[in-house]
N, C-alpha and C. Protein backbone atom coordinates (compact mmCIF):
# COMPACT_ATOMS: atom_id res chain seq x y z
N MET A 1 0.73 -1.11 0.12
CA MET A 1 -0.01 -0.02 0.14
C MET A 1 0.97 1.53 0.29
N LEU A 2 0.52 2.36 -0.76
CA LEU A 2 1.46 3.30 -0.77
C LEU A 2 0.63 4.26 0.09
N PRO A 3 1.74 5.29 0.65
CA PRO A 3 1.50 6.57 1.77
C PRO A 3 0.37 7.18 1.19
N GLN A 4 -0.27 7.88 1.79
CA GLN A 4 -1.01 8.91 1.56
C GLN A 4 -0.56 10.06 0.99
N CYS A 5 0.81 10.47 1.44
CA CYS A 5 1.16 11.70 0.81
C CYS A 5 1.53 11.07 -1.00
N TRP A 6 2.12 10.21 -1.37
CA TRP A 6 1.90 9.92 -2.68
C TRP A 6 0.46 9.57 -3.71
N GLY A 7 -0.48 9.71 -3.00
CA GLY A 7 -1.63 10.34 -3.79
C GLY A 7 -2.00 11.49 -4.20
N GLY A 8 -1.47 12.29 -2.92
CA GLY A 8 -1.69 13.90 -3.12
C GLY A 8 -0.39 14.19 -4.17
N GLY A 9 0.61 13.61 -4.10
CA GLY A 9 1.61 13.91 -5.24
C GLY A 9 1.21 13.41 -6.76
N MET A 10 0.73 12.34 -6.70
CA MET A 10 0.29 11.74 -7.94
C MET A 10 -0.70 12.99 -8.65
N GLY A 11 -1.85 13.14 -7.78
CA GLY A 11 -2.72 14.06 -8.21
C GLY A 11 -2.12 15.39 -8.54
N LEU A 12 -1.33 15.83 -7.87
CA LEU A 12 -0.56 17.32 -8.43
C LEU A 12 0.06 16.93 -9.58
N LEU A 13 0.79 15.78 -9.96
CA LEU A 13 1.64 15.40 -10.95
C LEU A 13 0.62 15.44 -12.16
N MET A 14 -0.81 14.84 -11.72
CA MET A 14 -1.92 14.83 -13.05
C MET A 14 -2.41 16.03 -13.11
N PHE A 15 -2.43 16.69 -12.44
CA PHE A 15 -2.80 18.31 -12.61
C PHE A 15 -1.63 19.39 -13.51
N PHE A 16 -0.78 19.19 -13.06
CA PHE A 16 0.68 19.57 -14.15
C PHE A 16 0.85 19.02 -15.34
N GLY A 17 0.31 17.66 -15.34
CA GLY A 17 0.38 16.99 -16.50
C GLY A 17 -0.70 17.81 -17.99
N PHE A 18 -2.19 17.83 -17.26
CA PHE A 18 -2.88 18.69 -17.73
C PHE A 18 -2.78 19.85 -18.06
N VAL A 19 -1.80 20.80 -17.51
CA VAL A 19 -1.87 22.33 -17.35
C VAL A 19 -0.88 22.30 -18.60
N ALA A 20 0.20 21.23 -18.20
CA ALA A 20 1.04 21.27 -19.75
C ALA A 20 0.69 20.85 -20.99
N TYR A 21 -0.73 19.82 -21.39
CA TYR A 21 -1.09 19.76 -22.27
C TYR A 21 -1.83 20.63 -22.62
N GLY A 22 -2.77 21.27 -21.71
CA GLY A 22 -3.63 22.27 -22.45
C GLY A 22 -2.69 23.46 -22.64
N SER A 23 -1.77 23.85 -22.29
CA SER A 23 -0.42 24.87 -22.55
C SER A 23 0.01 24.47 -24.00
N TRP A 24 0.19 23.40 -24.30
CA TRP A 24 0.67 22.68 -25.72
C TRP A 24 -0.06 22.92 -26.61
N ILE A 25 -1.55 22.07 -26.47
CA ILE A 25 -2.68 22.28 -27.52
C ILE A 25 -3.71 23.52 -27.50
N ARG A 26 -3.28 24.50 -26.61
CA ARG A 26 -4.18 25.64 -26.39
C ARG A 26 -5.56 25.75 -27.07
N PRO A 27 -6.40 24.96 -26.39
CA PRO A 27 -7.82 25.65 -26.05
C PRO A 27 -7.88 26.75 -25.22
N SER A 28 -9.00 26.57 -24.68
CA SER A 28 -9.69 27.90 -23.96
C SER A 28 -9.42 27.55 -22.83
N TRP A 29 -9.79 25.95 -22.53
CA TRP A 29 -9.80 25.45 -20.98
C TRP A 29 -8.10 25.88 -20.43
N GLY A 30 -7.44 25.13 -21.59
CA GLY A 30 -5.91 25.31 -21.08
C GLY A 30 -5.17 26.59 -20.47
N ARG A 31 -6.14 27.40 -20.91
CA ARG A 31 -5.54 29.02 -20.43
C ARG A 31 -5.85 29.14 -19.18
N ILE A 32 -6.93 28.67 -18.84
CA ILE A 32 -7.68 28.63 -17.52
C ILE A 32 -7.07 28.05 -16.68
N LEU A 33 -6.74 26.68 -16.96
CA LEU A 33 -5.65 25.89 -16.04
C LEU A 33 -4.66 26.59 -15.64
N GLY A 34 -3.78 27.13 -16.77
CA GLY A 34 -2.63 27.56 -16.48
C GLY A 34 -2.60 28.92 -15.74
N VAL A 35 -3.91 29.93 -15.67
CA VAL A 35 -4.00 30.80 -14.80
C VAL A 35 -4.03 30.25 -13.65
N LEU A 36 -4.34 29.07 -13.23
CA LEU A 36 -4.87 28.51 -12.32
C LEU A 36 -3.61 28.16 -11.37
N PHE A 37 -2.94 27.23 -12.07
CA PHE A 37 -1.56 26.57 -11.74
C PHE A 37 -0.56 28.13 -11.23
N CYS A 38 -0.93 28.89 -11.93
CA CYS A 38 0.26 30.42 -11.45
C CYS A 38 -0.49 30.83 -10.42
N ILE A 39 -1.40 31.07 -10.09
CA ILE A 39 -2.08 31.43 -9.03
C ILE A 39 -1.39 30.75 -7.82
N LEU A 40 -1.61 29.29 -7.90
CA LEU A 40 -1.31 28.32 -6.73
C LEU A 40 0.54 28.53 -6.84
N SER A 41 1.13 28.58 -7.51
CA SER A 41 2.63 28.73 -7.59
C SER A 41 2.70 29.97 -7.13
N LEU A 42 2.01 30.96 -6.58
CA LEU A 42 2.53 32.33 -5.74
C LEU A 42 2.67 31.69 -4.62
N PHE A 43 2.08 31.01 -3.95
CA PHE A 43 2.50 30.87 -2.56
C PHE A 43 3.86 29.84 -2.26
N ALA A 44 4.37 29.59 -3.44
CA ALA A 44 5.57 28.42 -3.08
C ALA A 44 6.60 29.63 -3.23
N ILE A 45 7.20 30.42 -2.18
CA ILE A 45 8.06 31.53 -2.34
C ILE A 45 9.52 31.41 -2.28
N PRO A 46 10.32 31.74 -2.87
CA PRO A 46 10.46 32.73 -3.58
C PRO A 46 10.30 32.15 -5.13
N ILE A 47 10.78 31.46 -6.05
CA ILE A 47 10.88 30.59 -7.09
C ILE A 47 9.43 30.79 -7.37
N GLY A 48 8.45 29.87 -6.72
CA GLY A 48 7.16 29.76 -7.48
C GLY A 48 6.52 31.27 -7.84
N THR A 49 6.95 31.90 -6.79
CA THR A 49 6.30 33.49 -6.89
C THR A 49 6.26 34.36 -8.11
N ILE A 50 7.93 34.16 -8.50
CA ILE A 50 8.43 34.45 -9.35
C ILE A 50 7.97 33.76 -10.70
N VAL A 51 7.71 32.50 -11.00
CA VAL A 51 7.32 31.68 -11.76
C VAL A 51 5.90 32.11 -12.10
N GLY A 52 4.95 32.45 -11.02
CA GLY A 52 3.38 32.59 -11.11
C GLY A 52 3.34 34.18 -11.79
N VAL A 53 4.08 34.96 -10.93
CA VAL A 53 3.83 36.46 -11.78
C VAL A 53 4.31 36.42 -13.22
N LEU A 54 5.38 35.71 -13.32
CA LEU A 54 5.64 36.02 -15.00
C LEU A 54 4.58 35.01 -15.72
N GLY A 55 3.90 33.99 -15.39
CA GLY A 55 3.24 33.07 -15.93
C GLY A 55 1.76 34.21 -16.29
N LEU A 56 1.36 34.39 -14.92
CA LEU A 56 0.22 35.60 -15.19
C LEU A 56 0.68 36.28 -16.12
N ILE A 57 1.29 37.19 -16.16
CA ILE A 57 1.57 38.11 -17.46
C ILE A 57 1.44 37.40 -18.49
N ALA A 58 2.24 36.12 -18.61
CA ALA A 58 1.79 35.74 -20.11
C ALA A 58 0.71 35.22 -20.48
N TYR A 59 -0.32 34.62 -19.29
CA TYR A 59 -1.24 34.22 -19.92
C TYR A 59 -2.34 35.63 -20.40
N GLY A 60 -1.89 36.52 -19.33
CA GLY A 60 -2.62 37.46 -19.74
C GLY A 60 -2.44 38.37 -21.00
N ARG A 61 -1.32 38.15 -21.40
CA ARG A 61 -1.16 38.85 -22.82
C ARG A 61 -1.34 37.91 -23.91
N GLY A 62 -1.55 36.65 -23.51
CA GLY A 62 -2.05 35.69 -24.65
C GLY A 62 -2.99 35.31 -25.04
N SER A 63 -4.30 36.00 -24.75
CA SER A 63 -5.38 35.91 -24.73
C SER A 63 -6.00 35.26 -26.28
N SER A 64 -5.11 35.74 -27.27
CA SER A 64 -5.49 35.21 -28.71
C SER A 64 -4.70 34.30 -29.13
N LEU A 65 -3.94 33.60 -28.12
CA LEU A 65 -2.99 32.25 -28.36
C LEU A 65 -4.11 30.83 -28.03
N PHE A 66 -5.00 31.42 -27.36
CA PHE A 66 -5.54 30.41 -26.83
C PHE A 66 -7.19 30.38 -27.39
N GLY A 67 -8.09 28.83 -27.57
CA GLY A 67 -9.39 29.13 -27.78
C GLY A 67 -9.81 28.54 -29.29
N GLU A 68 -11.03 28.85 -29.66
CA GLU A 68 -11.11 28.20 -31.33
C GLU A 68 -10.41 29.53 -31.96
N ASN A 69 -10.50 30.42 -31.92
CA ASN A 69 -9.99 31.72 -32.72
C ASN A 69 -8.93 31.99 -32.65
N ARG A 70 -8.08 31.24 -31.71
CA ARG A 70 -6.52 31.41 -31.77
C ARG A 70 -5.52 31.41 -33.33
N TYR A 71 -4.31 32.01 -33.00
CA TYR A 71 -3.63 31.84 -34.16
C TYR A 71 -2.57 30.66 -34.13
N GLU A 72 -2.88 30.28 -35.41
CA GLU A 72 -2.35 29.12 -35.27
C GLU A 72 -0.82 29.10 -35.39
N SER A 73 -0.01 27.80 -34.89
CA SER A 73 1.44 27.83 -35.05
C SER A 73 1.97 27.98 -35.97
N LYS A 74 1.90 27.50 -37.35
CA LYS A 74 2.31 27.78 -38.59
C LYS A 74 2.24 29.76 -39.07
N ILE A 75 1.26 30.27 -38.40
CA ILE A 75 1.42 31.59 -38.78
C ILE A 75 2.24 32.77 -37.52
N LEU A 76 2.49 32.09 -36.40
CA LEU A 76 3.58 32.44 -35.48
C LEU A 76 4.70 32.31 -36.01
N GLU A 77 5.13 30.89 -36.39
CA GLU A 77 6.53 30.67 -37.01
C GLU A 77 6.87 31.51 -38.50
N ASP A 78 5.82 31.46 -39.21
CA ASP A 78 6.18 32.66 -39.95
C ASP A 78 6.44 34.12 -39.58
N GLU A 79 5.75 34.36 -38.92
CA GLU A 79 6.05 35.85 -38.20
C GLU A 79 7.16 35.67 -37.38
N LEU A 80 7.62 35.19 -36.67
CA LEU A 80 8.75 34.95 -36.40
C LEU A 80 9.99 35.25 -37.28
N LYS A 81 9.98 34.06 -38.35
CA LYS A 81 11.04 34.26 -39.41
C LYS A 81 11.17 35.69 -40.03
N TYR A 82 9.74 36.36 -40.14
CA TYR A 82 9.73 37.59 -40.72
C TYR A 82 10.39 38.51 -39.83
N ARG A 83 10.29 38.78 -38.55
CA ARG A 83 11.06 39.39 -37.80
C ARG A 83 12.36 39.32 -37.82
N LYS A 84 12.66 38.05 -37.55
CA LYS A 84 14.27 37.87 -37.55
C LYS A 84 14.71 38.01 -38.61
N LYS A 85 13.98 38.18 -40.06
CA LYS A 85 14.77 38.24 -41.24
C LYS A 85 14.95 39.88 -41.21
N TYR A 86 14.09 40.86 -41.08
CA TYR A 86 13.98 41.97 -41.19
C TYR A 86 14.20 42.68 -39.74
N LYS A 87 15.31 41.83 -38.67
CA LYS A 87 15.52 42.23 -37.46
C LYS A 87 14.31 43.60 -36.66
N MET A 88 13.40 42.89 -36.50
CA MET A 88 12.39 43.48 -35.79
C MET A 88 12.23 42.95 -34.45
N GLY A 89 11.81 43.99 -33.58
CA GLY A 89 11.68 43.82 -32.20
C GLY A 89 11.56 42.35 -32.02
């Protein structure tokens, strides 16, 4: 029989997996889970606080990257290549 703390750890690991998967495929629920993860990480002082704040800023600015009307990866890659080619910000 596994210790009780392993159950909580496994649940947390599954939550992190869902957050990573949702951030990778970028549905609207992925952004919600990402924001929730960032809020929870704010309590892990000091590194978690830094990660949480930066994550909240990134998720806040990246609303057009999630959901049904999101920018596709190909469009973002083409834009990045264009900006690198012409040395734009």
